[in-house]
Amino acid sequence: MSDSSTSLSASAQKVQEAIRARGFDHQVIELAIPVRTAADAAREVGCEVAQIAKSIIFRAASGRGVLVITSGSNRVNEARVTELIGESIGRASPDFVREVTGFAIGGVPPLGHATEMITLIDEDLLKLPFLWAAAGHPNSLFRLPPEDLPKLAGGRVERVT
């Protein structure tokens, strides 16, 4: 693993700057290979799949982006999210994801997005010793204690599964 922030891709550097702008010093790393799934990421960094904080984008009926950050071992209950935000949601297209986040699917981080979204954080993530989250590029991640996630992402902690 390389952790030299001087050689980060542009999108990973953007996430590193967003982390610093929020007053944290978590270090973005870039791996030699893409980690597009929670299982791939967990294998590469040596943690449990549950410790991967997945950022999943939905499209609300109003057209707003909805970011659900969930444990890599969990599946989002869309009916529950609809209940929590008060409007229906649907799957987001890759173009919509890029439009609202500024990032491509496979590297969407929990912060530093192009637009403000409704953000929900899986309560299960807060029970873990540490987390890894995507950092703007399929090869980039950062490690953080779970209690930092709500402060970085600016969302509500809820049961989303």
N, C-alpha and C. Protein backbone atom coordinates (compact mmCIF):
# COMPACT_ATOMS: atom_id res chain seq x y z
N MET A 1 0.85 -1.19 0.00
CA MET A 1 0.00 0.00 0.00
C MET A 1 0.89 1.24 0.00
N SER A 2 0.52 2.17 -0.82
CA SER A 2 1.25 3.44 -0.87
C SER A 2 0.40 4.49 -0.16
N ASP A 3 1.03 5.33 0.64
CA ASP A 3 0.23 6.38 1.28
C ASP A 3 0.82 7.76 1.03
N SER A 4 1.50 7.91 -0.06
CA SER A 4 2.07 9.21 -0.40
C SER A 4 1.00 10.08 -1.04
N SER A 5 0.56 11.10 -0.31
CA SER A 5 -0.52 11.94 -0.82
C SER A 5 -0.05 12.80 -1.99
N THR A 6 1.26 12.88 -2.24
CA THR A 6 1.75 13.66 -3.37
C THR A 6 1.47 12.96 -4.68
N SER A 7 1.21 11.65 -4.65
CA SER A 7 0.99 10.91 -5.89
C SER A 7 -0.45 10.42 -6.05
N LEU A 8 -1.37 10.99 -5.31
CA LEU A 8 -2.77 10.59 -5.41
C LEU A 8 -3.37 11.05 -6.74
N SER A 9 -4.31 10.26 -7.26
CA SER A 9 -5.07 10.69 -8.44
C SER A 9 -5.85 11.95 -8.07
N ALA A 10 -6.29 12.68 -9.07
CA ALA A 10 -7.00 13.95 -8.83
C ALA A 10 -8.24 13.75 -7.96
N SER A 11 -9.02 12.70 -8.22
CA SER A 11 -10.24 12.48 -7.43
C SER A 11 -9.91 12.07 -6.00
N ALA A 12 -8.88 11.26 -5.81
CA ALA A 12 -8.48 10.87 -4.45
C ALA A 12 -7.90 12.08 -3.70
N GLN A 13 -7.18 12.94 -4.39
CA GLN A 13 -6.65 14.16 -3.77
C GLN A 13 -7.79 15.07 -3.32
N LYS A 14 -8.85 15.13 -4.11
CA LYS A 14 -10.03 15.93 -3.76
C LYS A 14 -10.63 15.43 -2.44
N VAL A 15 -10.69 14.10 -2.27
CA VAL A 15 -11.21 13.53 -1.03
C VAL A 15 -10.26 13.82 0.13
N GLN A 16 -8.95 13.69 -0.11
CA GLN A 16 -7.97 13.99 0.94
C GLN A 16 -8.14 15.43 1.42
N GLU A 17 -8.34 16.35 0.49
CA GLU A 17 -8.54 17.77 0.85
C GLU A 17 -9.85 17.97 1.61
N ALA A 18 -10.91 17.24 1.24
CA ALA A 18 -12.19 17.34 1.95
C ALA A 18 -12.06 16.83 3.38
N ILE A 19 -11.30 15.76 3.57
CA ILE A 19 -11.05 15.22 4.91
C ILE A 19 -10.33 16.27 5.76
N ARG A 20 -9.27 16.86 5.21
CA ARG A 20 -8.50 17.87 5.93
C ARG A 20 -9.35 19.11 6.23
N ALA A 21 -10.19 19.50 5.26
CA ALA A 21 -11.04 20.69 5.43
C ALA A 21 -12.02 20.51 6.59
N ARG A 22 -12.37 19.28 6.92
CA ARG A 22 -13.26 19.00 8.04
C ARG A 22 -12.49 18.81 9.35
N GLY A 23 -11.17 19.03 9.30
CA GLY A 23 -10.36 18.99 10.51
C GLY A 23 -9.84 17.61 10.90
N PHE A 24 -9.84 16.67 9.99
CA PHE A 24 -9.35 15.32 10.27
C PHE A 24 -8.05 15.07 9.53
N ASP A 25 -7.28 14.10 10.03
CA ASP A 25 -6.00 13.81 9.38
C ASP A 25 -5.93 12.40 8.80
N HIS A 26 -7.09 11.78 8.53
CA HIS A 26 -7.10 10.45 7.93
C HIS A 26 -6.39 10.50 6.58
N GLN A 27 -5.58 9.49 6.30
CA GLN A 27 -4.75 9.48 5.11
C GLN A 27 -5.34 8.61 4.01
N VAL A 28 -5.58 9.21 2.85
CA VAL A 28 -6.04 8.46 1.69
C VAL A 28 -4.86 7.67 1.13
N ILE A 29 -5.13 6.40 0.83
CA ILE A 29 -4.11 5.56 0.18
C ILE A 29 -4.65 5.09 -1.16
N GLU A 30 -3.74 4.80 -2.07
CA GLU A 30 -4.13 4.21 -3.35
C GLU A 30 -3.47 2.86 -3.47
N LEU A 31 -4.27 1.88 -3.84
CA LEU A 31 -3.79 0.52 -4.01
C LEU A 31 -3.36 0.30 -5.45
N ALA A 32 -2.62 -0.77 -5.69
CA ALA A 32 -2.15 -1.08 -7.04
C ALA A 32 -3.28 -1.57 -7.94
N ILE A 33 -4.36 -2.09 -7.34
CA ILE A 33 -5.47 -2.63 -8.13
C ILE A 33 -6.78 -1.99 -7.67
N PRO A 34 -7.79 -1.94 -8.56
CA PRO A 34 -9.09 -1.40 -8.17
C PRO A 34 -9.79 -2.32 -7.17
N VAL A 35 -10.53 -1.73 -6.24
CA VAL A 35 -11.33 -2.49 -5.28
C VAL A 35 -12.76 -1.99 -5.40
N ARG A 36 -13.48 -2.52 -6.39
CA ARG A 36 -14.82 -2.03 -6.70
C ARG A 36 -15.91 -2.63 -5.82
N THR A 37 -15.59 -3.70 -5.08
CA THR A 37 -16.58 -4.31 -4.19
C THR A 37 -16.06 -4.27 -2.77
N ALA A 38 -16.98 -4.38 -1.82
CA ALA A 38 -16.59 -4.41 -0.41
C ALA A 38 -15.67 -5.60 -0.14
N ALA A 39 -15.96 -6.74 -0.76
CA ALA A 39 -15.13 -7.94 -0.55
C ALA A 39 -13.71 -7.71 -1.07
N ASP A 40 -13.58 -7.09 -2.24
CA ASP A 40 -12.25 -6.79 -2.79
C ASP A 40 -11.48 -5.86 -1.86
N ALA A 41 -12.16 -4.81 -1.40
CA ALA A 41 -11.51 -3.83 -0.53
C ALA A 41 -11.07 -4.48 0.78
N ALA A 42 -11.95 -5.27 1.38
CA ALA A 42 -11.61 -5.93 2.65
C ALA A 42 -10.40 -6.84 2.49
N ARG A 43 -10.36 -7.59 1.40
CA ARG A 43 -9.24 -8.49 1.16
C ARG A 43 -7.93 -7.70 1.02
N GLU A 44 -7.96 -6.60 0.31
CA GLU A 44 -6.74 -5.83 0.07
C GLU A 44 -6.21 -5.12 1.32
N VAL A 45 -7.10 -4.64 2.19
CA VAL A 45 -6.63 -3.91 3.39
C VAL A 45 -6.60 -4.79 4.63
N GLY A 46 -7.08 -6.04 4.53
CA GLY A 46 -6.99 -6.97 5.64
C GLY A 46 -7.99 -6.71 6.76
N CYS A 47 -9.24 -6.47 6.39
CA CYS A 47 -10.28 -6.28 7.40
C CYS A 47 -11.49 -7.13 7.04
N GLU A 48 -12.51 -7.11 7.90
CA GLU A 48 -13.76 -7.81 7.62
C GLU A 48 -14.57 -7.01 6.60
N VAL A 49 -15.38 -7.70 5.80
CA VAL A 49 -16.24 -7.03 4.82
C VAL A 49 -17.16 -6.02 5.52
N ALA A 50 -17.61 -6.35 6.72
CA ALA A 50 -18.49 -5.45 7.48
C ALA A 50 -17.84 -4.09 7.74
N GLN A 51 -16.50 -4.03 7.78
CA GLN A 51 -15.78 -2.79 8.10
C GLN A 51 -15.59 -1.87 6.90
N ILE A 52 -16.09 -2.28 5.74
CA ILE A 52 -16.05 -1.41 4.56
C ILE A 52 -17.33 -0.57 4.56
N ALA A 53 -17.16 0.75 4.60
CA ALA A 53 -18.30 1.67 4.57
C ALA A 53 -18.64 1.95 3.12
N LYS A 54 -19.72 1.32 2.62
CA LYS A 54 -20.15 1.49 1.23
C LYS A 54 -21.00 2.75 1.11
N SER A 55 -20.70 3.57 0.12
CA SER A 55 -21.51 4.76 -0.16
C SER A 55 -22.39 4.45 -1.36
N ILE A 56 -23.69 4.32 -1.12
CA ILE A 56 -24.64 3.96 -2.18
C ILE A 56 -25.54 5.17 -2.43
N ILE A 57 -25.66 5.51 -3.71
CA ILE A 57 -26.47 6.66 -4.10
C ILE A 57 -27.81 6.19 -4.66
N PHE A 58 -28.88 6.81 -4.17
CA PHE A 58 -30.23 6.59 -4.70
C PHE A 58 -30.73 7.92 -5.22
N ARG A 59 -31.78 7.85 -6.02
CA ARG A 59 -32.43 9.07 -6.52
C ARG A 59 -33.80 9.16 -5.87
N ALA A 60 -34.02 10.24 -5.12
CA ALA A 60 -35.32 10.45 -4.48
C ALA A 60 -36.34 10.90 -5.52
N ALA A 61 -37.64 10.71 -5.21
CA ALA A 61 -38.71 11.13 -6.12
C ALA A 61 -38.60 12.61 -6.47
N SER A 62 -38.09 13.41 -5.55
CA SER A 62 -37.93 14.86 -5.77
C SER A 62 -36.77 15.17 -6.71
N GLY A 63 -35.95 14.16 -7.02
CA GLY A 63 -34.79 14.38 -7.88
C GLY A 63 -33.50 14.58 -7.11
N ARG A 64 -33.60 14.70 -5.79
CA ARG A 64 -32.40 14.86 -4.97
C ARG A 64 -31.63 13.55 -4.85
N GLY A 65 -30.34 13.68 -4.62
CA GLY A 65 -29.52 12.52 -4.35
C GLY A 65 -29.69 12.09 -2.90
N VAL A 66 -29.68 10.80 -2.67
CA VAL A 66 -29.74 10.23 -1.33
C VAL A 66 -28.52 9.33 -1.17
N LEU A 67 -27.68 9.66 -0.21
CA LEU A 67 -26.48 8.88 0.08
C LEU A 67 -26.76 8.01 1.29
N VAL A 68 -26.61 6.69 1.12
CA VAL A 68 -26.73 5.76 2.23
C VAL A 68 -25.36 5.11 2.40
N ILE A 69 -24.77 5.32 3.57
CA ILE A 69 -23.46 4.72 3.87
C ILE A 69 -23.74 3.52 4.75
N THR A 70 -23.43 2.33 4.23
CA THR A 70 -23.78 1.11 4.93
C THR A 70 -22.58 0.19 5.06
N SER A 71 -22.68 -0.73 5.99
CA SER A 71 -21.65 -1.74 6.18
C SER A 71 -21.55 -2.62 4.94
N GLY A 72 -20.34 -2.98 4.59
CA GLY A 72 -20.11 -3.83 3.42
C GLY A 72 -20.82 -5.15 3.46
N SER A 73 -21.20 -5.61 4.64
CA SER A 73 -21.90 -6.89 4.75
C SER A 73 -23.42 -6.72 4.78
N ASN A 74 -23.91 -5.48 4.73
CA ASN A 74 -25.35 -5.22 4.80
C ASN A 74 -25.94 -4.86 3.45
N ARG A 75 -27.23 -5.08 3.34
CA ARG A 75 -27.98 -4.68 2.15
C ARG A 75 -28.98 -3.60 2.60
N VAL A 76 -29.04 -2.51 1.85
CA VAL A 76 -29.94 -1.41 2.18
C VAL A 76 -31.39 -1.83 1.95
N ASN A 77 -32.24 -1.53 2.92
CA ASN A 77 -33.67 -1.78 2.81
C ASN A 77 -34.29 -0.49 2.24
N GLU A 78 -34.60 -0.51 0.95
CA GLU A 78 -35.09 0.70 0.28
C GLU A 78 -36.41 1.19 0.86
N ALA A 79 -37.27 0.28 1.30
CA ALA A 79 -38.54 0.69 1.91
C ALA A 79 -38.27 1.44 3.22
N ARG A 80 -37.29 0.98 3.97
CA ARG A 80 -36.92 1.65 5.23
C ARG A 80 -36.37 3.05 4.95
N VAL A 81 -35.53 3.18 3.93
CA VAL A 81 -34.97 4.50 3.58
C VAL A 81 -36.10 5.43 3.13
N THR A 82 -37.03 4.93 2.33
CA THR A 82 -38.19 5.72 1.90
C THR A 82 -38.94 6.25 3.12
N GLU A 83 -39.16 5.38 4.10
CA GLU A 83 -39.85 5.76 5.34
C GLU A 83 -39.05 6.84 6.09
N LEU A 84 -37.74 6.68 6.17
CA LEU A 84 -36.90 7.62 6.91
C LEU A 84 -36.85 9.01 6.29
N ILE A 85 -36.85 9.08 4.95
CA ILE A 85 -36.72 10.40 4.31
C ILE A 85 -38.04 11.00 3.86
N GLY A 86 -39.12 10.20 3.91
CA GLY A 86 -40.43 10.72 3.57
C GLY A 86 -40.73 10.85 2.09
N GLU A 87 -39.96 10.19 1.26
CA GLU A 87 -40.25 10.14 -0.17
C GLU A 87 -39.63 8.88 -0.76
N SER A 88 -40.20 8.43 -1.87
CA SER A 88 -39.71 7.19 -2.46
C SER A 88 -38.34 7.40 -3.10
N ILE A 89 -37.61 6.31 -3.21
CA ILE A 89 -36.28 6.34 -3.83
C ILE A 89 -36.20 5.27 -4.90
N GLY A 90 -35.27 5.46 -5.81
CA GLY A 90 -35.00 4.47 -6.83
C GLY A 90 -33.50 4.39 -7.07
N ARG A 91 -33.10 3.37 -7.78
CA ARG A 91 -31.69 3.21 -8.14
C ARG A 91 -31.23 4.42 -8.96
N ALA A 92 -30.00 4.82 -8.76
CA ALA A 92 -29.45 5.95 -9.49
C ALA A 92 -28.61 5.43 -10.67
N SER A 93 -28.73 6.11 -11.79
CA SER A 93 -27.91 5.75 -12.96
C SER A 93 -26.47 6.21 -12.72
N PRO A 94 -25.51 5.61 -13.44
CA PRO A 94 -24.12 6.07 -13.30
C PRO A 94 -23.97 7.57 -13.58
N ASP A 95 -24.72 8.09 -14.56
CA ASP A 95 -24.65 9.52 -14.87
C ASP A 95 -25.16 10.37 -13.71
N PHE A 96 -26.27 9.93 -13.07
CA PHE A 96 -26.81 10.66 -11.92
C PHE A 96 -25.82 10.64 -10.77
N VAL A 97 -25.21 9.47 -10.52
CA VAL A 97 -24.21 9.36 -9.44
C VAL A 97 -23.08 10.36 -9.68
N ARG A 98 -22.55 10.41 -10.89
CA ARG A 98 -21.46 11.34 -11.19
C ARG A 98 -21.92 12.79 -11.04
N GLU A 99 -23.16 13.07 -11.47
CA GLU A 99 -23.70 14.44 -11.40
C GLU A 99 -23.80 14.92 -9.94
N VAL A 100 -24.36 14.10 -9.05
CA VAL A 100 -24.59 14.56 -7.67
C VAL A 100 -23.37 14.42 -6.77
N THR A 101 -22.46 13.48 -7.11
CA THR A 101 -21.29 13.29 -6.24
C THR A 101 -20.02 13.89 -6.81
N GLY A 102 -19.90 13.92 -8.13
CA GLY A 102 -18.64 14.31 -8.76
C GLY A 102 -17.70 13.14 -8.91
N PHE A 103 -18.16 11.94 -8.57
CA PHE A 103 -17.32 10.74 -8.62
C PHE A 103 -18.05 9.63 -9.38
N ALA A 104 -17.27 8.69 -9.92
CA ALA A 104 -17.85 7.54 -10.63
C ALA A 104 -18.18 6.43 -9.64
N ILE A 105 -19.17 5.61 -9.99
CA ILE A 105 -19.52 4.43 -9.20
C ILE A 105 -18.25 3.59 -9.02
N GLY A 106 -18.08 3.05 -7.83
CA GLY A 106 -16.89 2.25 -7.54
C GLY A 106 -15.86 3.00 -6.73
N GLY A 107 -16.04 4.31 -6.62
CA GLY A 107 -15.10 5.11 -5.83
C GLY A 107 -15.79 6.21 -5.05
N VAL A 108 -17.12 6.15 -4.93
CA VAL A 108 -17.87 7.22 -4.27
C VAL A 108 -17.51 7.26 -2.78
N PRO A 109 -16.96 8.38 -2.32
CA PRO A 109 -16.60 8.53 -0.91
C PRO A 109 -17.80 9.01 -0.08
N PRO A 110 -17.66 9.00 1.24
CA PRO A 110 -18.75 9.48 2.09
C PRO A 110 -18.77 11.00 2.25
N LEU A 111 -17.86 11.72 1.60
CA LEU A 111 -17.79 13.18 1.74
C LEU A 111 -17.21 13.78 0.47
N GLY A 112 -17.25 15.12 0.39
CA GLY A 112 -16.63 15.82 -0.73
C GLY A 112 -17.43 15.81 -2.02
N HIS A 113 -18.75 15.73 -1.91
CA HIS A 113 -19.60 15.60 -3.09
C HIS A 113 -19.89 16.93 -3.77
N ALA A 114 -20.31 16.83 -5.04
CA ALA A 114 -20.62 18.01 -5.85
C ALA A 114 -21.88 18.72 -5.38
N THR A 115 -22.83 17.97 -4.79
CA THR A 115 -24.08 18.56 -4.31
C THR A 115 -24.35 18.05 -2.89
N GLU A 116 -25.19 18.79 -2.19
CA GLU A 116 -25.60 18.34 -0.85
C GLU A 116 -26.71 17.32 -1.02
N MET A 117 -26.56 16.19 -0.33
CA MET A 117 -27.55 15.12 -0.45
C MET A 117 -28.15 14.80 0.91
N ILE A 118 -29.29 14.12 0.87
CA ILE A 118 -29.85 13.52 2.08
C ILE A 118 -28.90 12.38 2.42
N THR A 119 -28.38 12.34 3.65
CA THR A 119 -27.38 11.33 3.99
C THR A 119 -27.81 10.53 5.22
N LEU A 120 -27.80 9.21 5.07
CA LEU A 120 -28.11 8.28 6.16
C LEU A 120 -26.92 7.36 6.36
N ILE A 121 -26.59 7.11 7.62
CA ILE A 121 -25.46 6.25 7.98
C ILE A 121 -25.97 5.04 8.74
N ASP A 122 -25.59 3.88 8.27
CA ASP A 122 -25.97 2.60 8.87
C ASP A 122 -25.47 2.53 10.32
N GLU A 123 -26.40 2.35 11.26
CA GLU A 123 -26.02 2.28 12.68
C GLU A 123 -25.06 1.14 12.97
N ASP A 124 -25.08 0.08 12.16
CA ASP A 124 -24.18 -1.06 12.38
C ASP A 124 -22.71 -0.66 12.25
N LEU A 125 -22.41 0.35 11.44
CA LEU A 125 -21.02 0.79 11.27
C LEU A 125 -20.42 1.30 12.57
N LEU A 126 -21.25 1.90 13.43
CA LEU A 126 -20.73 2.51 14.66
C LEU A 126 -20.35 1.48 15.72
N LYS A 127 -20.66 0.21 15.49
CA LYS A 127 -20.33 -0.85 16.45
C LYS A 127 -18.97 -1.49 16.16
N LEU A 128 -18.31 -1.07 15.09
CA LEU A 128 -17.07 -1.71 14.65
C LEU A 128 -15.84 -0.96 15.16
N PRO A 129 -14.68 -1.64 15.27
CA PRO A 129 -13.49 -0.99 15.81
C PRO A 129 -12.90 0.08 14.89
N PHE A 130 -12.95 -0.15 13.58
CA PHE A 130 -12.52 0.85 12.60
C PHE A 130 -13.16 0.53 11.27
N LEU A 131 -13.14 1.52 10.37
CA LEU A 131 -13.77 1.38 9.06
C LEU A 131 -12.79 1.77 7.97
N TRP A 132 -13.08 1.32 6.76
CA TRP A 132 -12.40 1.78 5.55
C TRP A 132 -13.49 2.29 4.61
N ALA A 133 -13.26 3.44 3.97
CA ALA A 133 -14.22 4.01 3.04
C ALA A 133 -13.54 4.35 1.73
N ALA A 134 -14.30 4.33 0.64
CA ALA A 134 -13.78 4.72 -0.68
C ALA A 134 -13.35 6.18 -0.63
N ALA A 135 -12.37 6.49 -1.47
CA ALA A 135 -11.83 7.85 -1.46
C ALA A 135 -11.76 8.44 -2.87
N GLY A 136 -12.85 8.33 -3.62
CA GLY A 136 -12.95 9.04 -4.88
C GLY A 136 -12.50 8.32 -6.13
N HIS A 137 -11.84 7.19 -5.98
CA HIS A 137 -11.30 6.44 -7.12
C HIS A 137 -11.38 4.97 -6.76
N PRO A 138 -11.60 4.07 -7.73
CA PRO A 138 -11.71 2.64 -7.41
C PRO A 138 -10.48 2.05 -6.70
N ASN A 139 -9.33 2.70 -6.79
CA ASN A 139 -8.12 2.20 -6.13
C ASN A 139 -7.85 2.87 -4.78
N SER A 140 -8.67 3.83 -4.38
CA SER A 140 -8.33 4.62 -3.19
C SER A 140 -9.32 4.42 -2.04
N LEU A 141 -8.76 4.43 -0.82
CA LEU A 141 -9.51 4.21 0.41
C LEU A 141 -8.89 5.05 1.52
N PHE A 142 -9.64 5.19 2.61
CA PHE A 142 -9.05 5.74 3.84
C PHE A 142 -9.65 5.03 5.03
N ARG A 143 -8.84 4.93 6.09
CA ARG A 143 -9.24 4.26 7.33
C ARG A 143 -9.68 5.33 8.32
N LEU A 144 -10.72 5.01 9.11
CA LEU A 144 -11.20 5.97 10.10
C LEU A 144 -11.90 5.24 11.24
N PRO A 145 -11.91 5.85 12.43
CA PRO A 145 -12.72 5.29 13.51
C PRO A 145 -14.19 5.57 13.21
N PRO A 146 -15.09 4.66 13.57
CA PRO A 146 -16.50 4.83 13.20
C PRO A 146 -17.13 6.11 13.73
N GLU A 147 -16.69 6.58 14.89
CA GLU A 147 -17.31 7.80 15.43
C GLU A 147 -17.01 9.04 14.58
N ASP A 148 -16.02 8.98 13.69
CA ASP A 148 -15.72 10.11 12.80
C ASP A 148 -16.64 10.16 11.59
N LEU A 149 -17.25 9.03 11.23
CA LEU A 149 -18.05 8.98 10.01
C LEU A 149 -19.20 9.99 9.99
N PRO A 150 -20.03 10.09 11.03
CA PRO A 150 -21.11 11.09 10.99
C PRO A 150 -20.58 12.52 10.87
N LYS A 151 -19.44 12.81 11.48
CA LYS A 151 -18.86 14.16 11.40
C LYS A 151 -18.33 14.44 9.99
N LEU A 152 -17.75 13.44 9.36
CA LEU A 152 -17.22 13.62 7.99
C LEU A 152 -18.33 13.69 6.96
N ALA A 153 -19.31 12.80 7.08
CA ALA A 153 -20.36 12.69 6.06
C ALA A 153 -21.53 13.65 6.30
N GLY A 154 -21.70 14.08 7.55
CA GLY A 154 -22.78 15.01 7.86
C GLY A 154 -24.16 14.39 7.83
N GLY A 155 -24.27 13.11 8.10
CA GLY A 155 -25.57 12.46 8.00
C GLY A 155 -26.15 12.03 9.32
N ARG A 156 -27.35 11.46 9.23
CA ARG A 156 -28.05 10.91 10.40
C ARG A 156 -27.74 9.42 10.50
N VAL A 157 -27.51 8.97 11.73
CA VAL A 157 -27.30 7.54 11.97
C VAL A 157 -28.67 6.89 12.14
N GLU A 158 -28.94 5.87 11.35
CA GLU A 158 -30.25 5.21 11.36
C GLU A 158 -30.08 3.72 11.07
N ARG A 159 -31.14 2.98 11.32
CA ARG A 159 -31.18 1.58 10.88
C ARG A 159 -31.66 1.61 9.43
N VAL A 160 -30.77 1.24 8.49
CA VAL A 160 -31.10 1.32 7.07
C VAL A 160 -31.20 -0.06 6.42
N THR A 161 -31.09 -1.12 7.24
CA THR A 161 -31.10 -2.47 6.69
C THR A 161 -32.40 -3.18 7.01
